[in-house]
Amino acid sequence: MASNTRHDGRQDHEFRTLNISYDGLARVDGSARFGFGDTSALASISGPIEVRLVAEQASQATFEVLLRPLSNVPATEAKALGATIRSALAPSLILTKNPRTLVQLVVQSLSSKGDGTQREALTAAMINASTLALLNAGSVPMRGVVCAIPVGRCTAGDRETRLFVDPGETEISEIQGGGCFAFVFGDKLGWGDGDVECVWTNWKSTSGTFDENELSRARELALKAARAVYAEIKRGVKTMGAVPFKFNEKRVKEDVKKGLEAELKTEEGSNDEKMEIS
């Protein structure tokens, strides 16, 4: 991976084809499917509904996440991943509006590629599918929309570490660490920086040392891709339940490019201000 183009022809900031659909599952308030290529997940939301007395909270709704693997029964790893998804989504939900109730999220893996580096892509797909299910239900007040992006890292000799979003199968053997980033996008929420906040990450490196600059680079790369995912989610919501959502690869590439240009302008502005101050 010495060139800027990856094995499958993508650039470092490009993810695989998005798959978004609203499945309309029975006996739930909302459901949706999301995938990066063939790495996909299905999520459903029920609630607010009656909660068990032992789990009842007087000041807010109880938010429960149940994860179902593609095969077998949920084990310790599935429960840990369920807790991860809950941590990523909780900042976007307003649970105080429905105290003494239950909001139950069920996430189903639809991909067998959940091992090694592909686990990060599956985690991101699950978080995004959960966001879509919440939007489809419309029964839980939300502060913003959470979008997640997987990022991989690799090194080649003494060269600078290379980072790229959504690693594919052909890149697994070259990956050396990486992680997933989840961002919440809102409108005039008072968070600053364009109303975007990184609410969760599990970034890790196999080098054995923590590199703050590398983490910052990975987060910025993930944010640029997450903006494009957010744009597609907004477009899909407008036609929710009316017509099937159609992924437009050219449009997404343009969104990513706009995000890159916006970031460059922001950096140039910041540098100018620093020069004036000094």
C-alpha atoms as a PDB file:
ATOM      1  CA  MET A   1       0.000   0.000   0.000  1.00  0.00           C
ATOM      2  CA  ALA A   2       2.755   2.432  -0.913  1.00  0.00           C
ATOM      3  CA  SER A   3       0.590   4.484  -3.301  1.00  0.00           C
ATOM      4  CA  ASN A   4      -2.379   6.674  -2.458  1.00  0.00           C
ATOM      5  CA  THR A   5      -4.734   4.155  -4.083  1.00  0.00           C
ATOM      6  CA  ARG A   6      -5.716   1.037  -2.164  1.00  0.00           C
ATOM      7  CA  HIS A   7      -6.052  -2.521  -3.474  1.00  0.00           C
ATOM      8  CA  ASP A   8      -9.725  -2.054  -4.364  1.00  0.00           C
ATOM      9  CA  GLY A   9      -9.157   1.350  -6.003  1.00  0.00           C
ATOM     10  CA  ARG A  10     -10.410   3.473  -3.110  1.00  0.00           C
ATOM     11  CA  GLN A  11      -8.621   6.521  -1.702  1.00  0.00           C
ATOM     12  CA  ASP A  12      -7.700   6.614   1.987  1.00  0.00           C
ATOM     13  CA  HIS A  13     -10.792   8.689   2.875  1.00  0.00           C
ATOM     14  CA  GLU A  14     -13.287   6.545   0.899  1.00  0.00           C
ATOM     15  CA  PHE A  15     -15.462   3.814   2.385  1.00  0.00           C
ATOM     16  CA  ARG A  16     -17.167   0.918   0.640  1.00  0.00           C
ATOM     17  CA  THR A  17     -20.644   1.191  -0.891  1.00  0.00           C
ATOM     18  CA  LEU A  18     -23.254   2.093   1.728  1.00  0.00           C
ATOM     19  CA  ASN A  19     -26.308  -0.132   2.128  1.00  0.00           C
ATOM     20  CA  ILE A  20     -29.231   1.578   3.876  1.00  0.00           C
ATOM     21  CA  SER A  21     -32.792   0.279   4.142  1.00  0.00           C
ATOM     22  CA  TYR A  22     -35.787   0.503   6.467  1.00  0.00           C
ATOM     23  CA  ASP A  23     -37.045  -3.041   6.878  1.00  0.00           C
ATOM     24  CA  GLY A  24     -40.374  -2.379   8.596  1.00  0.00           C
ATOM     25  CA  LEU A  25     -40.073  -5.267  11.060  1.00  0.00           C
ATOM     26  CA  ALA A  26     -43.285  -6.268  12.814  1.00  0.00           C
ATOM     27  CA  ARG A  27     -43.974  -5.626  16.511  1.00  0.00           C
ATOM     28  CA  VAL A  28     -41.290  -2.932  16.891  1.00  0.00           C
ATOM     29  CA  ASP A  29     -41.480   0.859  16.665  1.00  0.00           C
ATOM     30  CA  GLY A  30     -38.654   1.254  14.163  1.00  0.00           C
ATOM     31  CA  SER A  31     -36.065  -0.808  12.297  1.00  0.00           C
ATOM     32  CA  ALA A  32     -33.264  -0.292   9.803  1.00  0.00           C
ATOM     33  CA  ARG A  33     -30.354  -1.973   8.088  1.00  0.00           C
ATOM     34  CA  PHE A  34     -26.915  -0.443   7.459  1.00  0.00           C
ATOM     35  CA  GLY A  35     -23.797  -1.806   5.827  1.00  0.00           C
ATOM     36  CA  PHE A  36     -20.350  -0.938   4.545  1.00  0.00           C
ATOM     37  CA  GLY A  37     -20.172  -3.239   1.525  1.00  0.00           C
ATOM     38  CA  ASP A  38     -21.041  -6.739   2.768  1.00  0.00           C
ATOM     39  CA  THR A  39     -20.380  -5.864   6.423  1.00  0.00           C
ATOM     40  CA  SER A  40     -23.883  -5.065   7.658  1.00  0.00           C
ATOM     41  CA  ALA A  41     -26.205  -5.064  10.672  1.00  0.00           C
ATOM     42  CA  LEU A  42     -29.928  -4.847  11.407  1.00  0.00           C
ATOM     43  CA  ALA A  43     -31.367  -2.878  14.350  1.00  0.00           C
ATOM     44  CA  SER A  44     -34.823  -2.440  15.850  1.00  0.00           C
ATOM     45  CA  ILE A  45     -36.246  -0.098  18.500  1.00  0.00           C
ATOM     46  CA  SER A  46     -39.112  -0.728  20.905  1.00  0.00           C
ATOM     47  CA  GLY A  47     -40.201   1.998  23.245  1.00  0.00           C
ATOM     48  CA  PRO A  48     -40.919   3.766  25.345  1.00  0.00           C
ATOM     49  CA  ILE A  49     -42.562   0.625  26.752  1.00  0.00           C
ATOM     50  CA  GLU A  50     -43.238  -0.809  30.190  1.00  0.00           C
ATOM     51  CA  VAL A  51     -40.079  -1.522  32.152  1.00  0.00           C
ATOM     52  CA  ARG A  52     -39.378  -4.220  34.720  1.00  0.00           C
ATOM     53  CA  LEU A  53     -39.576  -2.884  38.265  1.00  0.00           C
ATOM     54  CA  VAL A  54     -35.969  -3.849  39.002  1.00  0.00           C
ATOM     55  CA  ALA A  55     -34.723  -1.762  36.029  1.00  0.00           C
ATOM     56  CA  GLU A  56     -37.047   1.224  36.517  1.00  0.00           C
ATOM     57  CA  GLN A  57     -35.456   4.675  36.906  1.00  0.00           C
ATOM     58  CA  ALA A  58     -37.406   7.542  38.452  1.00  0.00           C
ATOM     59  CA  SER A  59     -35.701  10.346  36.520  1.00  0.00           C
ATOM     60  CA  GLN A  60     -35.275   8.880  33.023  1.00  0.00           C
ATOM     61  CA  ALA A  61     -36.040   5.993  30.702  1.00  0.00           C
ATOM     62  CA  THR A  62     -33.945   2.850  30.896  1.00  0.00           C
ATOM     63  CA  PHE A  63     -31.926   2.371  27.695  1.00  0.00           C
ATOM     64  CA  GLU A  64     -31.214  -1.313  27.051  1.00  0.00           C
ATOM     65  CA  VAL A  65     -29.117  -2.709  24.200  1.00  0.00           C
ATOM     66  CA  LEU A  66     -29.309  -6.387  23.240  1.00  0.00           C
ATOM     67  CA  LEU A  67     -26.887  -7.742  20.669  1.00  0.00           C
ATOM     68  CA  ARG A  68     -27.473 -10.887  18.642  1.00  0.00           C
ATOM     69  CA  PRO A  69     -24.536 -12.459  16.780  1.00  0.00           C
ATOM     70  CA  LEU A  70     -24.983 -14.037  13.345  1.00  0.00           C
ATOM     71  CA  SER A  71     -24.896 -17.495  14.916  1.00  0.00           C
ATOM     72  CA  ASN A  72     -24.946 -19.061  18.381  1.00  0.00           C
ATOM     73  CA  VAL A  73     -26.201 -17.321  21.520  1.00  0.00           C
ATOM     74  CA  PRO A  74     -24.866 -13.983  22.858  1.00  0.00           C
ATOM     75  CA  ALA A  75     -21.696 -14.502  24.890  1.00  0.00           C
ATOM     76  CA  THR A  76     -19.454 -12.188  26.907  1.00  0.00           C
ATOM     77  CA  GLU A  77     -18.073 -10.521  23.765  1.00  0.00           C
ATOM     78  CA  ALA A  78     -21.583  -9.774  22.483  1.00  0.00           C
ATOM     79  CA  LYS A  79     -22.533  -8.214  25.817  1.00  0.00           C
ATOM     80  CA  ALA A  80     -19.389  -6.072  25.769  1.00  0.00           C
ATOM     81  CA  LEU A  81     -20.169  -4.893  22.228  1.00  0.00           C
ATOM     82  CA  GLY A  82     -23.728  -4.126  23.326  1.00  0.00           C
ATOM     83  CA  ALA A  83     -22.327  -1.918  26.096  1.00  0.00           C
ATOM     84  CA  THR A  84     -20.104  -0.205  23.526  1.00  0.00           C
ATOM     85  CA  ILE A  85     -23.064   0.602  21.271  1.00  0.00           C
ATOM     86  CA  ARG A  86     -24.992   1.917  24.244  1.00  0.00           C
ATOM     87  CA  SER A  87     -22.107   4.223  25.227  1.00  0.00           C
ATOM     88  CA  ALA A  88     -21.878   5.600  21.695  1.00  0.00           C
ATOM     89  CA  LEU A  89     -25.609   6.301  21.348  1.00  0.00           C
ATOM     90  CA  ALA A  90     -26.507   7.484  24.857  1.00  0.00           C
ATOM     91  CA  PRO A  91     -25.187  11.083  24.387  1.00  0.00           C
ATOM     92  CA  SER A  92     -27.625  11.590  21.487  1.00  0.00           C
ATOM     93  CA  LEU A  93     -30.762  10.522  23.389  1.00  0.00           C
ATOM     94  CA  ILE A  94     -32.997  12.579  25.678  1.00  0.00           C
ATOM     95  CA  LEU A  95     -34.126   9.899  28.111  1.00  0.00           C
ATOM     96  CA  THR A  96     -35.482  12.268  30.756  1.00  0.00           C
ATOM     97  CA  LYS A  97     -38.662  12.879  28.738  1.00  0.00           C
ATOM     98  CA  ASN A  98     -39.993   9.381  29.471  1.00  0.00           C
ATOM     99  CA  PRO A  99     -39.027   8.338  33.022  1.00  0.00           C
ATOM    100  CA  ARG A 100     -40.025   4.924  34.391  1.00  0.00           C
ATOM    101  CA  THR A 101     -40.124   3.389  30.900  1.00  0.00           C
ATOM    102  CA  LEU A 102     -37.879   1.205  28.746  1.00  0.00           C
ATOM    103  CA  VAL A 103     -36.251   1.943  25.387  1.00  0.00           C
ATOM    104  CA  GLN A 104     -34.996  -1.349  24.012  1.00  0.00           C
ATOM    105  CA  LEU A 105     -32.558  -1.576  21.114  1.00  0.00           C
ATOM    106  CA  VAL A 106     -31.916  -4.978  19.519  1.00  0.00           C
ATOM    107  CA  VAL A 107     -28.969  -5.223  17.119  1.00  0.00           C
ATOM    108  CA  GLN A 108     -28.447  -8.235  14.856  1.00  0.00           C
ATOM    109  CA  SER A 109     -25.183  -8.947  13.053  1.00  0.00           C
ATOM    110  CA  LEU A 110     -25.724  -9.842   9.385  1.00  0.00           C
ATOM    111  CA  SER A 111     -22.063 -10.454   8.630  1.00  0.00           C
ATOM    112  CA  SER A 112     -19.755 -13.349   9.373  1.00  0.00           C
ATOM    113  CA  LYS A 113     -16.779 -11.024   8.918  1.00  0.00           C
ATOM    114  CA  GLY A 114     -16.622  -9.934  12.522  1.00  0.00           C
ATOM    115  CA  ASP A 115     -13.127 -11.075  13.394  1.00  0.00           C
ATOM    116  CA  GLY A 116      -9.901  -9.067  13.563  1.00  0.00           C
ATOM    117  CA  THR A 117      -9.950  -5.693  11.835  1.00  0.00           C
ATOM    118  CA  GLN A 118     -13.396  -6.338  10.328  1.00  0.00           C
ATOM    119  CA  ARG A 119     -14.800  -6.186  13.860  1.00  0.00           C
ATOM    120  CA  GLU A 120     -14.386  -2.413  13.776  1.00  0.00           C
ATOM    121  CA  ALA A 121     -16.369  -2.150  10.529  1.00  0.00           C
ATOM    122  CA  LEU A 122     -19.118  -4.327  12.013  1.00  0.00           C
ATOM    123  CA  THR A 123     -19.193  -2.191  15.168  1.00  0.00           C
ATOM    124  CA  ALA A 124     -19.575   0.955  13.044  1.00  0.00           C
ATOM    125  CA  ALA A 125     -22.325  -0.693  10.966  1.00  0.00           C
ATOM    126  CA  MET A 126     -24.198  -1.635  14.148  1.00  0.00           C
ATOM    127  CA  ILE A 127     -23.993   1.897  15.550  1.00  0.00           C
ATOM    128  CA  ASN A 128     -25.200   3.402  12.270  1.00  0.00           C
ATOM    129  CA  ALA A 129     -28.028   0.855  11.935  1.00  0.00           C
ATOM    130  CA  SER A 130     -29.111   1.715  15.492  1.00  0.00           C
ATOM    131  CA  THR A 131     -29.173   5.427  14.656  1.00  0.00           C
ATOM    132  CA  LEU A 132     -31.340   4.730  11.603  1.00  0.00           C
ATOM    133  CA  ALA A 133     -33.729   2.595  13.670  1.00  0.00           C
ATOM    134  CA  LEU A 134     -34.107   5.414  16.215  1.00  0.00           C
ATOM    135  CA  LEU A 135     -34.862   7.878  13.421  1.00  0.00           C
ATOM    136  CA  ASN A 136     -37.327   5.428  11.871  1.00  0.00           C
ATOM    137  CA  ALA A 137     -39.148   4.979  15.176  1.00  0.00           C
ATOM    138  CA  GLY A 138     -39.331   8.691  16.017  1.00  0.00           C
ATOM    139  CA  SER A 139     -40.529   7.779  19.502  1.00  0.00           C
ATOM    140  CA  VAL A 140     -37.379   8.730  21.442  1.00  0.00           C
ATOM    141  CA  PRO A 141     -36.332  12.421  21.559  1.00  0.00           C
ATOM    142  CA  MET A 142     -32.809  12.916  20.188  1.00  0.00           C
ATOM    143  CA  ARG A 143     -30.190  15.662  20.542  1.00  0.00           C
ATOM    144  CA  GLY A 144     -28.397  14.619  17.377  1.00  0.00           C
ATOM    145  CA  VAL A 145     -27.490  11.830  14.983  1.00  0.00           C
ATOM    146  CA  VAL A 146     -24.614   9.440  15.714  1.00  0.00           C
ATOM    147  CA  CYS A 147     -22.469   8.225  12.801  1.00  0.00           C
ATOM    148  CA  ALA A 148     -19.563   5.794  13.164  1.00  0.00           C
ATOM    149  CA  ILE A 149     -16.559   5.159  10.925  1.00  0.00           C
ATOM    150  CA  PRO A 150     -13.840   2.445  11.175  1.00  0.00           C
ATOM    151  CA  VAL A 151     -10.224   3.487  10.565  1.00  0.00           C
ATOM    152  CA  GLY A 152      -7.234   1.215   9.951  1.00  0.00           C
ATOM    153  CA  ARG A 153      -3.508   1.905  10.250  1.00  0.00           C
ATOM    154  CA  CYS A 154      -0.402   0.356   8.729  1.00  0.00           C
ATOM    155  CA  THR A 155       3.289   1.163   8.423  1.00  0.00           C
ATOM    156  CA  ALA A 156       5.838   0.378   5.726  1.00  0.00           C
ATOM    157  CA  GLY A 157       9.418   0.422   6.981  1.00  0.00           C
ATOM    158  CA  ASP A 158      10.456   3.864   8.232  1.00  0.00           C
ATOM    159  CA  ARG A 159       7.616   5.661   6.450  1.00  0.00           C
ATOM    160  CA  GLU A 160       4.929   7.591   8.283  1.00  0.00           C
ATOM    161  CA  THR A 161       1.998   5.542   9.510  1.00  0.00           C
ATOM    162  CA  ARG A 162      -0.736   5.361   6.890  1.00  0.00           C
ATOM    163  CA  LEU A 163      -4.377   5.730   7.930  1.00  0.00           C
ATOM    164  CA  PHE A 164      -7.467   4.843   5.886  1.00  0.00           C
ATOM    165  CA  VAL A 165     -11.181   4.461   6.560  1.00  0.00           C
ATOM    166  CA  ASP A 166     -13.214   1.250   6.361  1.00  0.00           C
ATOM    167  CA  PRO A 167     -10.493  -1.397   5.761  1.00  0.00           C
ATOM    168  CA  GLY A 168     -11.534  -4.106   3.291  1.00  0.00           C
ATOM    169  CA  GLU A 169     -10.802  -7.829   3.291  1.00  0.00           C
ATOM    170  CA  THR A 170      -7.744  -7.402   1.059  1.00  0.00           C
ATOM    171  CA  GLU A 171      -6.191  -5.046   3.618  1.00  0.00           C
ATOM    172  CA  ILE A 172      -6.570  -7.229   6.712  1.00  0.00           C
ATOM    173  CA  SER A 173      -3.065  -8.706   6.479  1.00  0.00           C
ATOM    174  CA  GLU A 174      -1.519  -5.209   6.386  1.00  0.00           C
ATOM    175  CA  ILE A 175      -3.460  -3.677   9.278  1.00  0.00           C
ATOM    176  CA  GLN A 176      -1.510  -2.810  12.413  1.00  0.00           C
ATOM    177  CA  GLY A 177      -4.035  -1.460  14.858  1.00  0.00           C
ATOM    178  CA  GLY A 178      -6.882   0.965  14.259  1.00  0.00           C
ATOM    179  CA  GLY A 179     -10.312   1.502  15.704  1.00  0.00           C
ATOM    180  CA  CYS A 180     -13.759   2.970  15.342  1.00  0.00           C
ATOM    181  CA  PHE A 181     -14.886   6.580  15.894  1.00  0.00           C
ATOM    182  CA  ALA A 182     -18.454   7.681  16.649  1.00  0.00           C
ATOM    183  CA  PHE A 183     -19.547  11.311  16.172  1.00  0.00           C
ATOM    184  CA  VAL A 184     -22.828  12.982  17.087  1.00  0.00           C
ATOM    185  CA  PHE A 185     -24.077  15.600  14.614  1.00  0.00           C
ATOM    186  CA  GLY A 186     -26.600  18.169  15.778  1.00  0.00           C
ATOM    187  CA  ASP A 187     -28.057  21.567  14.984  1.00  0.00           C
ATOM    188  CA  LYS A 188     -27.107  24.490  17.230  1.00  0.00           C
ATOM    189  CA  LEU A 189     -26.386  22.279  20.213  1.00  0.00           C
ATOM    190  CA  GLY A 190     -23.769  24.551  21.696  1.00  0.00           C
ATOM    191  CA  TRP A 191     -20.971  22.041  21.333  1.00  0.00           C
ATOM    192  CA  GLY A 192     -18.958  24.211  18.956  1.00  0.00           C
ATOM    193  CA  ASP A 193     -16.828  23.022  16.030  1.00  0.00           C
ATOM    194  CA  GLY A 194     -19.787  22.854  13.668  1.00  0.00           C
ATOM    195  CA  ASP A 195     -22.050  21.113  16.180  1.00  0.00           C
ATOM    196  CA  VAL A 196     -20.087  17.862  15.983  1.00  0.00           C
ATOM    197  CA  GLU A 197     -18.571  15.932  18.857  1.00  0.00           C
ATOM    198  CA  CYS A 198     -16.618  12.690  19.022  1.00  0.00           C
ATOM    199  CA  VAL A 199     -18.539  10.716  21.639  1.00  0.00           C
ATOM    200  CA  TRP A 200     -16.693   7.406  21.536  1.00  0.00           C
ATOM    201  CA  THR A 201     -13.593   5.655  20.168  1.00  0.00           C
ATOM    202  CA  ASN A 202     -11.656   2.467  20.832  1.00  0.00           C
ATOM    203  CA  TRP A 203      -8.506   3.516  18.936  1.00  0.00           C
ATOM    204  CA  LYS A 204      -5.536   1.269  19.558  1.00  0.00           C
ATOM    205  CA  SER A 205      -2.071   0.717  18.152  1.00  0.00           C
ATOM    206  CA  THR A 206       0.084  -2.393  17.960  1.00  0.00           C
ATOM    207  CA  SER A 207       3.260  -0.320  18.277  1.00  0.00           C
ATOM    208  CA  GLY A 208       2.995  -0.415  22.059  1.00  0.00           C
ATOM    209  CA  THR A 209       3.227   3.365  22.464  1.00  0.00           C
ATOM    210  CA  PHE A 210       0.484   5.993  22.440  1.00  0.00           C
ATOM    211  CA  ASP A 211       0.834   8.584  19.682  1.00  0.00           C
ATOM    212  CA  GLU A 212      -1.401  11.612  20.265  1.00  0.00           C
ATOM    213  CA  ASN A 213      -0.675  13.009  16.801  1.00  0.00           C
ATOM    214  CA  GLU A 214      -1.677   9.720  15.173  1.00  0.00           C
ATOM    215  CA  LEU A 215      -4.921   9.634  17.150  1.00  0.00           C
ATOM    216  CA  SER A 216      -5.687  13.206  16.068  1.00  0.00           C
ATOM    217  CA  ARG A 217      -5.030  12.352  12.400  1.00  0.00           C
ATOM    218  CA  ALA A 218      -7.248   9.267  12.626  1.00  0.00           C
ATOM    219  CA  ARG A 219     -10.060  11.243  14.241  1.00  0.00           C
ATOM    220  CA  GLU A 220      -9.934  13.957  11.564  1.00  0.00           C
ATOM    221  CA  LEU A 221      -9.957  11.368   8.767  1.00  0.00           C
ATOM    222  CA  ALA A 222     -12.909   9.582  10.383  1.00  0.00           C
ATOM    223  CA  LEU A 223     -14.794  12.867  10.798  1.00  0.00           C
ATOM    224  CA  LYS A 224     -14.495  13.702   7.104  1.00  0.00           C
ATOM    225  CA  ALA A 225     -15.948  10.317   6.164  1.00  0.00           C
ATOM    226  CA  ALA A 226     -18.604  10.517   8.897  1.00  0.00           C
ATOM    227  CA  ARG A 227     -19.870  13.804   7.439  1.00  0.00           C
ATOM    228  CA  ALA A 228     -20.560  12.004   4.153  1.00  0.00           C
ATOM    229  CA  VAL A 229     -22.398   9.192   5.973  1.00  0.00           C
ATOM    230  CA  TYR A 230     -24.437  11.807   7.859  1.00  0.00           C
ATOM    231  CA  ALA A 231     -25.361  13.498   4.566  1.00  0.00           C
ATOM    232  CA  GLU A 232     -26.606  10.174   3.170  1.00  0.00           C
ATOM    233  CA  ILE A 233     -28.605   9.446   6.322  1.00  0.00           C
ATOM    234  CA  LYS A 234     -30.320  12.841   6.051  1.00  0.00           C
ATOM    235  CA  ARG A 235     -31.207  12.157   2.413  1.00  0.00           C
ATOM    236  CA  GLY A 236     -32.550   8.718   3.328  1.00  0.00           C
ATOM    237  CA  VAL A 237     -34.733  10.097   6.131  1.00  0.00           C
ATOM    238  CA  LYS A 238     -36.490  12.419   3.680  1.00  0.00           C
ATOM    239  CA  THR A 239     -37.770   9.422   1.710  1.00  0.00           C
ATOM    240  CA  MET A 240     -38.210   7.071   4.672  1.00  0.00           C
ATOM    241  CA  GLY A 241     -41.014   4.626   4.007  1.00  0.00           C
ATOM    242  CA  ALA A 242     -41.884   6.214   0.667  1.00  0.00           C
ATOM    243  CA  VAL A 243     -39.353   4.863  -1.818  1.00  0.00           C
ATOM    244  CA  PRO A 244     -36.304   2.563  -1.446  1.00  0.00           C
ATOM    245  CA  PHE A 245     -33.111   4.411  -0.575  1.00  0.00           C
ATOM    246  CA  LYS A 246     -30.593   4.470  -3.421  1.00  0.00           C
ATOM    247  CA  PHE A 247     -26.893   4.903  -2.766  1.00  0.00           C
ATOM    248  CA  ASN A 248     -25.193   7.340  -5.105  1.00  0.00           C
ATOM    249  CA  GLU A 249     -21.438   6.697  -5.037  1.00  0.00           C
ATOM    250  CA  LYS A 250     -20.606   9.810  -7.068  1.00  0.00           C
ATOM    251  CA  ARG A 251     -22.632  12.005  -4.725  1.00  0.00           C
ATOM    252  CA  VAL A 252     -20.934  10.546  -1.644  1.00  0.00           C
ATOM    253  CA  LYS A 253     -17.474  11.145  -3.132  1.00  0.00           C
ATOM    254  CA  GLU A 254     -18.488  14.764  -3.741  1.00  0.00           C
ATOM    255  CA  ASP A 255     -19.638  15.064  -0.106  1.00  0.00           C
ATOM    256  CA  VAL A 256     -16.308  13.713   1.125  1.00  0.00           C
ATOM    257  CA  LYS A 257     -14.448  16.108  -1.171  1.00  0.00           C
ATOM    258  CA  LYS A 258     -16.481  19.046   0.168  1.00  0.00           C
ATOM    259  CA  GLY A 259     -15.626  17.940   3.675  1.00  0.00           C
ATOM    260  CA  LEU A 260     -11.941  17.858   2.822  1.00  0.00           C
ATOM    261  CA  GLU A 261     -12.088  21.335   1.310  1.00  0.00           C
ATOM    262  CA  ALA A 262     -13.964  22.678   4.331  1.00  0.00           C
ATOM    263  CA  GLU A 263     -11.339  21.219   6.681  1.00  0.00           C
ATOM    264  CA  LEU A 264      -8.521  22.801   4.643  1.00  0.00           C
ATOM    265  CA  LYS A 265     -10.217  26.211   4.736  1.00  0.00           C
ATOM    266  CA  THR A 266     -10.687  25.894   8.500  1.00  0.00           C
ATOM    267  CA  GLU A 267      -7.022  25.006   8.971  1.00  0.00           C
ATOM    268  CA  GLU A 268      -5.905  27.918   6.772  1.00  0.00           C
ATOM    269  CA  GLY A 269      -8.094  30.307   8.743  1.00  0.00           C
ATOM    270  CA  SER A 270      -6.677  29.058  12.009  1.00  0.00           C
ATOM    271  CA  ASN A 271      -3.115  29.478  10.738  1.00  0.00           C
ATOM    272  CA  ASP A 272      -3.835  33.051   9.579  1.00  0.00           C
ATOM    273  CA  GLU A 273      -5.217  33.923  12.989  1.00  0.00           C
ATOM    274  CA  LYS A 274      -2.152  32.495  14.674  1.00  0.00           C
ATOM    275  CA  MET A 275       0.114  34.517  12.418  1.00  0.00           C
ATOM    276  CA  GLU A 276      -1.762  37.714  13.185  1.00  0.00           C
ATOM    277  CA  ILE A 277      -1.565  37.128  16.915  1.00  0.00           C
ATOM    278  CA  SER A 278       2.137  36.445  16.833  1.00  0.00           C
END
